[in-house]
């Protein structure tokens, strides 16, 4: 599925490159779905975010990926980094803002 992604970011998880991919939101009835994949060191995890339009689906997909990465860091004790910044640089849900205080997105 990698060839159809339209945006990606490489994180470092426990010393390994972990690519996060976002796919163009697709309409299904009256909603849009954005597929998201993260290549964790132990394997690829896939999820889907749902929104009322393409932008909401993409933003929710980014927030969902950010929450998964921050949870790995703050709950599971994993090292999760984005090479050029302490912040992971993705949109964040307000409830998780304390987990990534340097994030200004």
PDB file of N, CA and C in Angstrom:
ATOM      1  N   UNK A   1       0.816  -1.199   0.000  1.00  0.00           N
ATOM      2  CA  UNK A   1       0.000   0.000   0.000  1.00  0.00           C
ATOM      3  C   UNK A   1       0.857   1.259   0.000  1.00  0.00           C
ATOM      4  N   UNK A   2       2.139   1.151   0.258  1.00  0.00           N
ATOM      5  CA  UNK A   2       3.039   2.298   0.365  1.00  0.00           C
ATOM      6  C   UNK A   2       3.023   3.191  -0.870  1.00  0.00           C
ATOM      7  N   UNK A   3       2.904   2.621  -2.064  1.00  0.00           N
ATOM      8  CA  UNK A   3       2.992   3.405  -3.285  1.00  0.00           C
ATOM      9  C   UNK A   3       1.854   4.414  -3.452  1.00  0.00           C
ATOM     10  N   UNK A   4       0.771   4.271  -2.742  1.00  0.00           N
ATOM     11  CA  UNK A   4      -0.360   5.186  -2.862  1.00  0.00           C
ATOM     12  C   UNK A   4      -0.394   6.252  -1.778  1.00  0.00           C
ATOM     13  N   UNK A   5       0.572   6.264  -0.896  1.00  0.00           N
ATOM     14  CA  UNK A   5       0.565   7.284   0.152  1.00  0.00           C
ATOM     15  C   UNK A   5       0.905   8.631  -0.467  1.00  0.00           C
ATOM     16  N   UNK A   6       0.390   9.706   0.106  1.00  0.00           N
ATOM     17  CA  UNK A   6       0.689  11.016  -0.444  1.00  0.00           C
ATOM     18  C   UNK A   6       1.476  11.885   0.525  1.00  0.00           C
ATOM     19  N   UNK A   7       1.633  11.427   1.759  1.00  0.00           N
ATOM     20  CA  UNK A   7       2.448  12.159   2.727  1.00  0.00           C
ATOM     21  C   UNK A   7       3.053  11.147   3.692  1.00  0.00           C
ATOM     22  N   UNK A   8       4.305  11.387   4.073  1.00  0.00           N
ATOM     23  CA  UNK A   8       4.938  10.461   5.005  1.00  0.00           C
ATOM     24  C   UNK A   8       5.952  11.218   5.844  1.00  0.00           C
ATOM     25  N   UNK A   9       6.282  10.639   6.972  1.00  0.00           N
ATOM     26  CA  UNK A   9       7.302  11.188   7.858  1.00  0.00           C
ATOM     27  C   UNK A   9       8.036  10.015   8.476  1.00  0.00           C
ATOM     28  N   UNK A  10       9.348  10.182   8.625  1.00  0.00           N
ATOM     29  CA  UNK A  10      10.172   9.149   9.236  1.00  0.00           C
ATOM     30  C   UNK A  10      10.450   9.548  10.687  1.00  0.00           C
ATOM     31  N   UNK A  11      10.092   8.678  11.601  1.00  0.00           N
ATOM     32  CA  UNK A  11      10.410   8.831  13.012  1.00  0.00           C
ATOM     33  C   UNK A  11      11.470   7.804  13.361  1.00  0.00           C
ATOM     34  N   UNK A  12      12.086   7.940  14.509  1.00  0.00           N
ATOM     35  CA  UNK A  12      13.015   6.937  15.005  1.00  0.00           C
ATOM     36  C   UNK A  12      12.408   6.365  16.272  1.00  0.00           C
ATOM     37  N   UNK A  13      12.118   5.070  16.255  1.00  0.00           N
ATOM     38  CA  UNK A  13      11.517   4.380  17.391  1.00  0.00           C
ATOM     39  C   UNK A  13      12.508   3.338  17.887  1.00  0.00           C
ATOM     40  N   UNK A  14      12.960   3.518  19.113  1.00  0.00           N
ATOM     41  CA  UNK A  14      13.927   2.589  19.710  1.00  0.00           C
ATOM     42  C   UNK A  14      15.137   2.356  18.796  1.00  0.00           C
ATOM     43  N   UNK A  15      15.586   3.429  18.128  1.00  0.00           N
ATOM     44  CA  UNK A  15      16.766   3.352  17.279  1.00  0.00           C
ATOM     45  C   UNK A  15      16.508   2.889  15.857  1.00  0.00           C
ATOM     46  N   UNK A  16      15.269   2.556  15.503  1.00  0.00           N
ATOM     47  CA  UNK A  16      14.917   2.085  14.163  1.00  0.00           C
ATOM     48  C   UNK A  16      14.067   3.119  13.438  1.00  0.00           C
ATOM     49  N   UNK A  17      14.266   3.240  12.124  1.00  0.00           N
ATOM     50  CA  UNK A  17      13.409   4.124  11.340  1.00  0.00           C
ATOM     51  C   UNK A  17      11.992   3.565  11.306  1.00  0.00           C
ATOM     52  N   UNK A  18      11.040   4.422  11.578  1.00  0.00           N
ATOM     53  CA  UNK A  18       9.626   4.038  11.564  1.00  0.00           C
ATOM     54  C   UNK A  18       8.888   5.025  10.666  1.00  0.00           C
ATOM     55  N   UNK A  19       8.535   4.564   9.478  1.00  0.00           N
ATOM     56  CA  UNK A  19       7.843   5.443   8.541  1.00  0.00           C
ATOM     57  C   UNK A  19       6.357   5.505   8.894  1.00  0.00           C
ATOM     58  N   UNK A  20       5.827   6.711   8.870  1.00  0.00           N
ATOM     59  CA  UNK A  20       4.395   6.941   9.086  1.00  0.00           C
ATOM     60  C   UNK A  20       3.846   7.477   7.769  1.00  0.00           C
ATOM     61  N   UNK A  21       2.814   6.807   7.229  1.00  0.00           N
ATOM     62  CA  UNK A  21       2.252   7.177   5.942  1.00  0.00           C
ATOM     63  C   UNK A  21       0.781   7.563   6.074  1.00  0.00           C
ATOM     64  N   UNK A  22       0.419   8.587   5.316  1.00  0.00           N
ATOM     65  CA  UNK A  22      -0.968   9.041   5.251  1.00  0.00           C
ATOM     66  C   UNK A  22      -1.428   8.905   3.808  1.00  0.00           C
ATOM     67  N   UNK A  23      -2.630   8.380   3.645  1.00  0.00           N
ATOM     68  CA  UNK A  23      -3.184   8.137   2.318  1.00  0.00           C
ATOM     69  C   UNK A  23      -4.290   9.142   2.027  1.00  0.00           C
ATOM     70  N   UNK A  24      -4.452   9.443   0.757  1.00  0.00           N
ATOM     71  CA  UNK A  24      -5.489  10.387   0.350  1.00  0.00           C
ATOM     72  C   UNK A  24      -6.840   9.906   0.851  1.00  0.00           C
ATOM     73  N   UNK A  25      -7.558  10.777   1.559  1.00  0.00           N
ATOM     74  CA  UNK A  25      -8.885  10.378   2.043  1.00  0.00           C
ATOM     75  C   UNK A  25      -9.818  10.000   0.891  1.00  0.00           C
ATOM     76  N   UNK A  26     -10.579   8.946   1.119  1.00  0.00           N
ATOM     77  CA  UNK A  26     -11.522   8.439   0.127  1.00  0.00           C
ATOM     78  C   UNK A  26     -12.941   8.526   0.683  1.00  0.00           C
ATOM     79  N   UNK A  27     -13.875   8.868  -0.181  1.00  0.00           N
ATOM     80  CA  UNK A  27     -15.262   8.977   0.254  1.00  0.00           C
ATOM     81  C   UNK A  27     -15.921   7.612   0.289  1.00  0.00           C
ATOM     82  N   UNK A  28     -16.708   7.403   1.342  1.00  0.00           N
ATOM     83  CA  UNK A  28     -17.502   6.184   1.496  1.00  0.00           C
ATOM     84  C   UNK A  28     -18.858   6.636   2.021  1.00  0.00           C
ATOM     85  N   UNK A  29     -19.852   6.633   1.149  1.00  0.00           N
ATOM     86  CA  UNK A  29     -21.171   7.199   1.452  1.00  0.00           C
ATOM     87  C   UNK A  29     -21.005   8.678   1.764  1.00  0.00           C
ATOM     88  N   UNK A  30     -21.440   9.133   2.919  1.00  0.00           N
ATOM     89  CA  UNK A  30     -21.359  10.566   3.203  1.00  0.00           C
ATOM     90  C   UNK A  30     -20.133  10.939   4.044  1.00  0.00           C
ATOM     91  N   UNK A  31     -19.229  10.001   4.284  1.00  0.00           N
ATOM     92  CA  UNK A  31     -18.021  10.262   5.089  1.00  0.00           C
ATOM     93  C   UNK A  31     -16.763  10.029   4.267  1.00  0.00           C
ATOM     94  N   UNK A  32     -15.653  10.521   4.796  1.00  0.00           N
ATOM     95  CA  UNK A  32     -14.346  10.314   4.189  1.00  0.00           C
ATOM     96  C   UNK A  32     -13.476   9.547   5.165  1.00  0.00           C
ATOM     97  N   UNK A  33     -12.623   8.681   4.637  1.00  0.00           N
ATOM     98  CA  UNK A  33     -11.729   7.878   5.465  1.00  0.00           C
ATOM     99  C   UNK A  33     -10.296   8.083   5.008  1.00  0.00           C
ATOM    100  N   UNK A  34      -9.405   8.276   5.984  1.00  0.00           N
ATOM    101  CA  UNK A  34      -7.985   8.431   5.708  1.00  0.00           C
ATOM    102  C   UNK A  34      -7.254   7.243   6.330  1.00  0.00           C
ATOM    103  N   UNK A  35      -6.598   6.446   5.503  1.00  0.00           N
ATOM    104  CA  UNK A  35      -5.806   5.327   6.000  1.00  0.00           C
ATOM    105  C   UNK A  35      -4.448   5.832   6.463  1.00  0.00           C
ATOM    106  N   UNK A  36      -3.996   5.280   7.577  1.00  0.00           N
ATOM    107  CA  UNK A  36      -2.721   5.663   8.187  1.00  0.00           C
ATOM    108  C   UNK A  36      -1.956   4.380   8.502  1.00  0.00           C
ATOM    109  N   UNK A  37      -0.662   4.378   8.224  1.00  0.00           N
ATOM    110  CA  UNK A  37       0.183   3.238   8.550  1.00  0.00           C
ATOM    111  C   UNK A  37       1.425   3.732   9.288  1.00  0.00           C
ATOM    112  N   UNK A  38       1.840   2.980  10.288  1.00  0.00           N
ATOM    113  CA  UNK A  38       3.106   3.234  10.971  1.00  0.00           C
ATOM    114  C   UNK A  38       3.899   1.936  10.937  1.00  0.00           C
ATOM    115  N   UNK A  39       5.119   2.019  10.433  1.00  0.00           N
ATOM    116  CA  UNK A  39       6.012   0.866  10.401  1.00  0.00           C
ATOM    117  C   UNK A  39       6.796   0.807  11.707  1.00  0.00           C
ATOM    118  N   UNK A  40       6.221   0.180  12.708  1.00  0.00           N
ATOM    119  CA  UNK A  40       6.897  -0.006  13.982  1.00  0.00           C
ATOM    120  C   UNK A  40       8.004  -1.048  13.789  1.00  0.00           C
ATOM    121  N   UNK A  41       9.011  -1.071  14.660  1.00  0.00           N
ATOM    122  CA  UNK A  41      10.071  -2.081  14.520  1.00  0.00           C
ATOM    123  C   UNK A  41       9.531  -3.513  14.457  1.00  0.00           C
ATOM    124  N   UNK A  42       8.418  -3.787  15.122  1.00  0.00           N
ATOM    125  CA  UNK A  42       7.869  -5.144  15.134  1.00  0.00           C
ATOM    126  C   UNK A  42       6.842  -5.404  14.039  1.00  0.00           C
ATOM    127  N   UNK A  43       6.547  -4.415  13.215  1.00  0.00           N
ATOM    128  CA  UNK A  43       5.612  -4.624  12.113  1.00  0.00           C
ATOM    129  C   UNK A  43       4.736  -3.411  11.852  1.00  0.00           C
ATOM    130  N   UNK A  44       4.069  -3.421  10.717  1.00  0.00           N
ATOM    131  CA  UNK A  44       3.224  -2.305  10.297  1.00  0.00           C
ATOM    132  C   UNK A  44       1.853  -2.389  10.960  1.00  0.00           C
ATOM    133  N   UNK A  45       1.414  -1.257  11.505  1.00  0.00           N
ATOM    134  CA  UNK A  45       0.063  -1.148  12.069  1.00  0.00           C
ATOM    135  C   UNK A  45      -0.730  -0.199  11.178  1.00  0.00           C
ATOM    136  N   UNK A  46      -1.958  -0.599  10.845  1.00  0.00           N
ATOM    137  CA  UNK A  46      -2.832   0.191   9.980  1.00  0.00           C
ATOM    138  C   UNK A  46      -4.076   0.620  10.742  1.00  0.00           C
ATOM    139  N   UNK A  47      -4.471   1.877  10.506  1.00  0.00           N
ATOM    140  CA  UNK A  47      -5.699   2.405  11.106  1.00  0.00           C
ATOM    141  C   UNK A  47      -6.387   3.289  10.078  1.00  0.00           C
ATOM    142  N   UNK A  48      -7.634   3.660  10.408  1.00  0.00           N
ATOM    143  CA  UNK A  48      -8.439   4.524   9.544  1.00  0.00           C
ATOM    144  C   UNK A  48      -9.092   5.610  10.368  1.00  0.00           C
ATOM    145  N   UNK A  49      -9.015   6.826   9.892  1.00  0.00           N
ATOM    146  CA  UNK A  49      -9.696   7.944  10.547  1.00  0.00           C
ATOM    147  C   UNK A  49     -10.872   8.371   9.671  1.00  0.00           C
ATOM    148  N   UNK A  50     -11.962   8.746  10.306  1.00  0.00           N
ATOM    149  CA  UNK A  50     -13.185   9.121   9.606  1.00  0.00           C
ATOM    150  C   UNK A  50     -13.483  10.590   9.841  1.00  0.00           C
ATOM    151  N   UNK A  51     -13.877  11.299   8.782  1.00  0.00           N
ATOM    152  CA  UNK A  51     -14.252  12.701   8.910  1.00  0.00           C
ATOM    153  C   UNK A  51     -15.406  13.031   7.989  1.00  0.00           C
ATOM    154  N   UNK A  52     -15.952  14.217   8.143  1.00  0.00           N
ATOM    155  CA  UNK A  52     -17.072  14.638   7.303  1.00  0.00           C
ATOM    156  C   UNK A  52     -16.598  15.148   5.944  1.00  0.00           C
ATOM    157  N   UNK A  53     -15.294  15.474   5.839  1.00  0.00           N
ATOM    158  CA  UNK A  53     -14.708  15.839   4.559  1.00  0.00           C
ATOM    159  C   UNK A  53     -13.253  15.378   4.546  1.00  0.00           C
ATOM    160  N   UNK A  54     -12.567  15.600   3.433  1.00  0.00           N
ATOM    161  CA  UNK A  54     -11.195  15.108   3.289  1.00  0.00           C
ATOM    162  C   UNK A  54     -10.244  15.725   4.304  1.00  0.00           C
ATOM    163  N   UNK A  55     -10.392  16.998   4.560  1.00  0.00           N
ATOM    164  CA  UNK A  55      -9.476  17.671   5.489  1.00  0.00           C
ATOM    165  C   UNK A  55      -9.662  17.148   6.904  1.00  0.00           C
ATOM    166  N   UNK A  56     -10.894  17.006   7.351  1.00  0.00           N
ATOM    167  CA  UNK A  56     -11.111  16.488   8.699  1.00  0.00           C
ATOM    168  C   UNK A  56     -10.577  15.062   8.822  1.00  0.00           C
ATOM    169  N   UNK A  57     -10.791  14.234   7.818  1.00  0.00           N
ATOM    170  CA  UNK A  57     -10.290  12.854   7.869  1.00  0.00           C
ATOM    171  C   UNK A  57      -8.768  12.836   7.953  1.00  0.00           C
ATOM    172  N   UNK A  58      -8.095  13.676   7.172  1.00  0.00           N
ATOM    173  CA  UNK A  58      -6.634  13.740   7.210  1.00  0.00           C
ATOM    174  C   UNK A  58      -6.141  14.260   8.559  1.00  0.00           C
ATOM    175  N   UNK A  59      -6.724  15.344   9.051  1.00  0.00           N
ATOM    176  CA  UNK A  59      -6.304  15.890  10.350  1.00  0.00           C
ATOM    177  C   UNK A  59      -6.512  14.885  11.478  1.00  0.00           C
ATOM    178  N   UNK A  60      -7.641  14.192  11.463  1.00  0.00           N
ATOM    179  CA  UNK A  60      -7.884  13.190  12.498  1.00  0.00           C
ATOM    180  C   UNK A  60      -6.921  12.011  12.364  1.00  0.00           C
ATOM    181  N   UNK A  61      -6.573  11.653  11.130  1.00  0.00           N
ATOM    182  CA  UNK A  61      -5.579  10.607  10.924  1.00  0.00           C
ATOM    183  C   UNK A  61      -4.222  11.011  11.487  1.00  0.00           C
ATOM    184  N   UNK A  62      -3.834  12.268  11.281  1.00  0.00           N
ATOM    185  CA  UNK A  62      -2.561  12.766  11.816  1.00  0.00           C
ATOM    186  C   UNK A  62      -2.590  12.803  13.344  1.00  0.00           C
ATOM    187  N   UNK A  63      -3.698  13.239  13.910  1.00  0.00           N
ATOM    188  CA  UNK A  63      -3.823  13.260  15.371  1.00  0.00           C
ATOM    189  C   UNK A  63      -3.786  11.846  15.946  1.00  0.00           C
ATOM    190  N   UNK A  64      -4.396  10.910  15.248  1.00  0.00           N
ATOM    191  CA  UNK A  64      -4.410   9.529  15.703  1.00  0.00           C
ATOM    192  C   UNK A  64      -2.994   8.949  15.685  1.00  0.00           C
ATOM    193  N   UNK A  65      -2.256   9.188  14.603  1.00  0.00           N
ATOM    194  CA  UNK A  65      -0.875   8.706  14.521  1.00  0.00           C
ATOM    195  C   UNK A  65      -0.027   9.348  15.614  1.00  0.00           C
ATOM    196  N   UNK A  66      -0.217  10.640  15.830  1.00  0.00           N
ATOM    197  CA  UNK A  66       0.534  11.347  16.870  1.00  0.00           C
ATOM    198  C   UNK A  66       0.233  10.751  18.244  1.00  0.00           C
ATOM    199  N   UNK A  67      -1.021  10.466  18.510  1.00  0.00           N
ATOM    200  CA  UNK A  67      -1.402   9.860  19.795  1.00  0.00           C
ATOM    201  C   UNK A  67      -0.742   8.492  19.967  1.00  0.00           C
ATOM    202  N   UNK A  68      -0.704   7.690  18.914  1.00  0.00           N
ATOM    203  CA  UNK A  68      -0.068   6.371  18.987  1.00  0.00           C
ATOM    204  C   UNK A  68       1.421   6.500  19.286  1.00  0.00           C
ATOM    205  N   UNK A  69       2.092   7.430  18.615  1.00  0.00           N
ATOM    206  CA  UNK A  69       3.526   7.633  18.828  1.00  0.00           C
ATOM    207  C   UNK A  69       3.807   8.160  20.232  1.00  0.00           C
ATOM    208  N   UNK A  70       3.002   9.111  20.698  1.00  0.00           N
ATOM    209  CA  UNK A  70       3.195   9.653  22.042  1.00  0.00           C
ATOM    210  C   UNK A  70       2.882   8.614  23.115  1.00  0.00           C
ATOM    211  N   UNK A  71       1.890   7.778  22.870  1.00  0.00           N
ATOM    212  CA  UNK A  71       1.567   6.711  23.815  1.00  0.00           C
ATOM    213  C   UNK A  71       2.728   5.723  23.921  1.00  0.00           C
ATOM    214  N   UNK A  72       3.336   5.407  22.792  1.00  0.00           N
ATOM    215  CA  UNK A  72       4.502   4.519  22.816  1.00  0.00           C
ATOM    216  C   UNK A  72       5.615   5.130  23.654  1.00  0.00           C
ATOM    217  N   UNK A  73       5.766   6.440  23.555  1.00  0.00           N
ATOM    218  CA  UNK A  73       6.813   7.133  24.301  1.00  0.00           C
ATOM    219  C   UNK A  73       6.460   7.262  25.789  1.00  0.00           C
ATOM    220  N   UNK A  74       5.259   7.732  26.084  1.00  0.00           N
ATOM    221  CA  UNK A  74       4.894   8.104  27.450  1.00  0.00           C
ATOM    222  C   UNK A  74       4.278   6.986  28.281  1.00  0.00           C
ATOM    223  N   UNK A  75       3.694   6.001  27.647  1.00  0.00           N
ATOM    224  CA  UNK A  75       3.061   4.905  28.373  1.00  0.00           C
ATOM    225  C   UNK A  75       3.936   3.649  28.320  1.00  0.00           C
ATOM    226  N   UNK A  76       4.427   3.333  27.126  1.00  0.00           N
ATOM    227  CA  UNK A  76       5.209   2.107  26.942  1.00  0.00           C
ATOM    228  C   UNK A  76       6.699   2.300  27.216  1.00  0.00           C
ATOM    229  N   UNK A  77       7.139   3.553  27.386  1.00  0.00           N
ATOM    230  CA  UNK A  77       8.540   3.819  27.683  1.00  0.00           C
ATOM    231  C   UNK A  77       9.488   3.679  26.504  1.00  0.00           C
ATOM    232  N   UNK A  78       8.944   3.728  25.292  1.00  0.00           N
ATOM    233  CA  UNK A  78       9.790   3.606  24.104  1.00  0.00           C
ATOM    234  C   UNK A  78      10.424   4.956  23.781  1.00  0.00           C
ATOM    235  N   UNK A  79      11.526   4.915  23.076  1.00  0.00           N
ATOM    236  CA  UNK A  79      12.147   6.130  22.571  1.00  0.00           C
ATOM    237  C   UNK A  79      11.521   6.424  21.221  1.00  0.00           C
ATOM    238  N   UNK A  80      10.866   7.568  21.109  1.00  0.00           N
ATOM    239  CA  UNK A  80      10.233   7.984  19.850  1.00  0.00           C
ATOM    240  C   UNK A  80      10.714   9.402  19.560  1.00  0.00           C
ATOM    241  N   UNK A  81      11.385   9.559  18.421  1.00  0.00           N
ATOM    242  CA  UNK A  81      11.972  10.853  18.078  1.00  0.00           C
ATOM    243  C   UNK A  81      11.692  11.203  16.628  1.00  0.00           C
ATOM    244  N   UNK A  82      11.679  12.485  16.387  1.00  0.00           N
ATOM    245  CA  UNK A  82      11.678  13.010  15.031  1.00  0.00           C
ATOM    246  C   UNK A  82      13.025  13.696  14.922  1.00  0.00           C
ATOM    247  N   UNK A  83      13.868  13.273  14.022  1.00  0.00           N
ATOM    248  CA  UNK A  83      15.286  13.627  14.054  1.00  0.00           C
ATOM    249  C   UNK A  83      15.643  15.091  14.291  1.00  0.00           C
ATOM    250  N   UNK A  84      14.934  16.035  13.734  1.00  0.00           N
ATOM    251  CA  UNK A  84      15.350  17.429  13.836  1.00  0.00           C
ATOM    252  C   UNK A  84      14.675  18.210  14.955  1.00  0.00           C
ATOM    253  N   UNK A  85      13.854  17.575  15.770  1.00  0.00           N
ATOM    254  CA  UNK A  85      13.100  18.339  16.758  1.00  0.00           C
ATOM    255  C   UNK A  85      12.681  17.436  17.906  1.00  0.00           C
ATOM    256  N   UNK A  86      12.559  18.020  19.098  1.00  0.00           N
ATOM    257  CA  UNK A  86      12.062  17.269  20.252  1.00  0.00           C
ATOM    258  C   UNK A  86      10.577  16.915  20.052  1.00  0.00           C
ATOM    259  N   UNK A  87       9.843  17.848  19.466  1.00  0.00           N
ATOM    260  CA  UNK A  87       8.433  17.601  19.155  1.00  0.00           C
ATOM    261  C   UNK A  87       8.337  16.631  17.980  1.00  0.00           C
ATOM    262  N   UNK A  88       7.225  15.926  17.888  1.00  0.00           N
ATOM    263  CA  UNK A  88       7.006  15.024  16.761  1.00  0.00           C
ATOM    264  C   UNK A  88       6.396  15.738  15.560  1.00  0.00           C
ATOM    265  N   UNK A  89       5.958  16.982  15.741  1.00  0.00           N
ATOM    266  CA  UNK A  89       5.554  17.824  14.630  1.00  0.00           C
ATOM    267  C   UNK A  89       4.305  17.433  13.881  1.00  0.00           C
ATOM    268  N   UNK A  90       3.361  16.796  14.550  1.00  0.00           N
ATOM    269  CA  UNK A  90       2.067  16.477  13.948  1.00  0.00           C
ATOM    270  C   UNK A  90       0.980  17.191  14.732  1.00  0.00           C
ATOM    271  N   UNK A  91      -0.201  17.392  14.117  1.00  0.00           N
ATOM    272  CA  UNK A  91      -1.311  17.962  14.882  1.00  0.00           C
ATOM    273  C   UNK A  91      -1.595  17.082  16.098  1.00  0.00           C
ATOM    274  N   UNK A  92      -2.033  17.731  17.174  1.00  0.00           N
ATOM    275  CA  UNK A  92      -2.226  16.999  18.429  1.00  0.00           C
ATOM    276  C   UNK A  92      -3.587  17.329  19.030  1.00  0.00           C
ATOM    277  N   UNK A  93      -4.193  16.340  19.645  1.00  0.00           N
ATOM    278  CA  UNK A  93      -5.444  16.555  20.375  1.00  0.00           C
ATOM    279  C   UNK A  93      -5.130  17.325  21.648  1.00  0.00           C
ATOM    280  N   UNK A  94      -6.002  18.221  22.022  1.00  0.00           N
ATOM    281  CA  UNK A  94      -5.784  19.049  23.213  1.00  0.00           C
ATOM    282  C   UNK A  94      -5.526  18.217  24.463  1.00  0.00           C
ATOM    283  N   UNK A  95      -6.192  17.100  24.591  1.00  0.00           N
ATOM    284  CA  UNK A  95      -6.057  16.280  25.790  1.00  0.00           C
ATOM    285  C   UNK A  95      -4.641  15.706  25.944  1.00  0.00           C
ATOM    286  N   UNK A  96      -3.878  15.629  24.848  1.00  0.00           N
ATOM    287  CA  UNK A  96      -2.523  15.079  24.885  1.00  0.00           C
ATOM    288  C   UNK A  96      -1.440  16.152  24.824  1.00  0.00           C
ATOM    289  N   UNK A  97      -1.819  17.401  24.850  1.00  0.00           N
ATOM    290  CA  UNK A  97      -0.865  18.504  24.687  1.00  0.00           C
ATOM    291  C   UNK A  97       0.305  18.408  25.664  1.00  0.00           C
ATOM    292  N   UNK A  98       0.089  17.970  26.891  1.00  0.00           N
ATOM    293  CA  UNK A  98       1.167  17.864  27.881  1.00  0.00           C
ATOM    294  C   UNK A  98       2.213  16.811  27.491  1.00  0.00           C
ATOM    295  N   UNK A  99       1.854  15.870  26.659  1.00  0.00           N
ATOM    296  CA  UNK A  99       2.801  14.828  26.237  1.00  0.00           C
ATOM    297  C   UNK A  99       3.769  15.345  25.184  1.00  0.00           C
ATOM    298  N   UNK A 100       3.458  16.440  24.531  1.00  0.00           N
ATOM    299  CA  UNK A 100       4.324  17.017  23.499  1.00  0.00           C
ATOM    300  C   UNK A 100       4.273  18.546  23.621  1.00  0.00           C
ATOM    301  N   UNK A 101       4.809  19.087  24.745  1.00  0.00           N
ATOM    302  CA  UNK A 101       4.657  20.515  25.029  1.00  0.00           C
ATOM    303  C   UNK A 101       5.366  21.434  24.039  1.00  0.00           C
ATOM    304  N   UNK A 102       6.333  20.938  23.289  1.00  0.00           N
ATOM    305  CA  UNK A 102       7.048  21.760  22.323  1.00  0.00           C
ATOM    306  C   UNK A 102       6.331  21.846  20.975  1.00  0.00           C
ATOM    307  N   UNK A 103       5.238  21.114  20.839  1.00  0.00           N
ATOM    308  CA  UNK A 103       4.482  21.105  19.589  1.00  0.00           C
ATOM    309  C   UNK A 103       3.642  22.373  19.483  1.00  0.00           C
ATOM    310  N   UNK A 104       3.798  23.071  18.390  1.00  0.00           N
ATOM    311  CA  UNK A 104       3.042  24.306  18.177  1.00  0.00           C
ATOM    312  C   UNK A 104       2.073  24.187  17.009  1.00  0.00           C
ATOM    313  N   UNK A 105       1.744  22.953  16.649  1.00  0.00           N
ATOM    314  CA  UNK A 105       0.808  22.730  15.522  1.00  0.00           C
ATOM    315  C   UNK A 105      -0.586  22.547  16.075  1.00  0.00           C
TER     316      UNK A 105
END
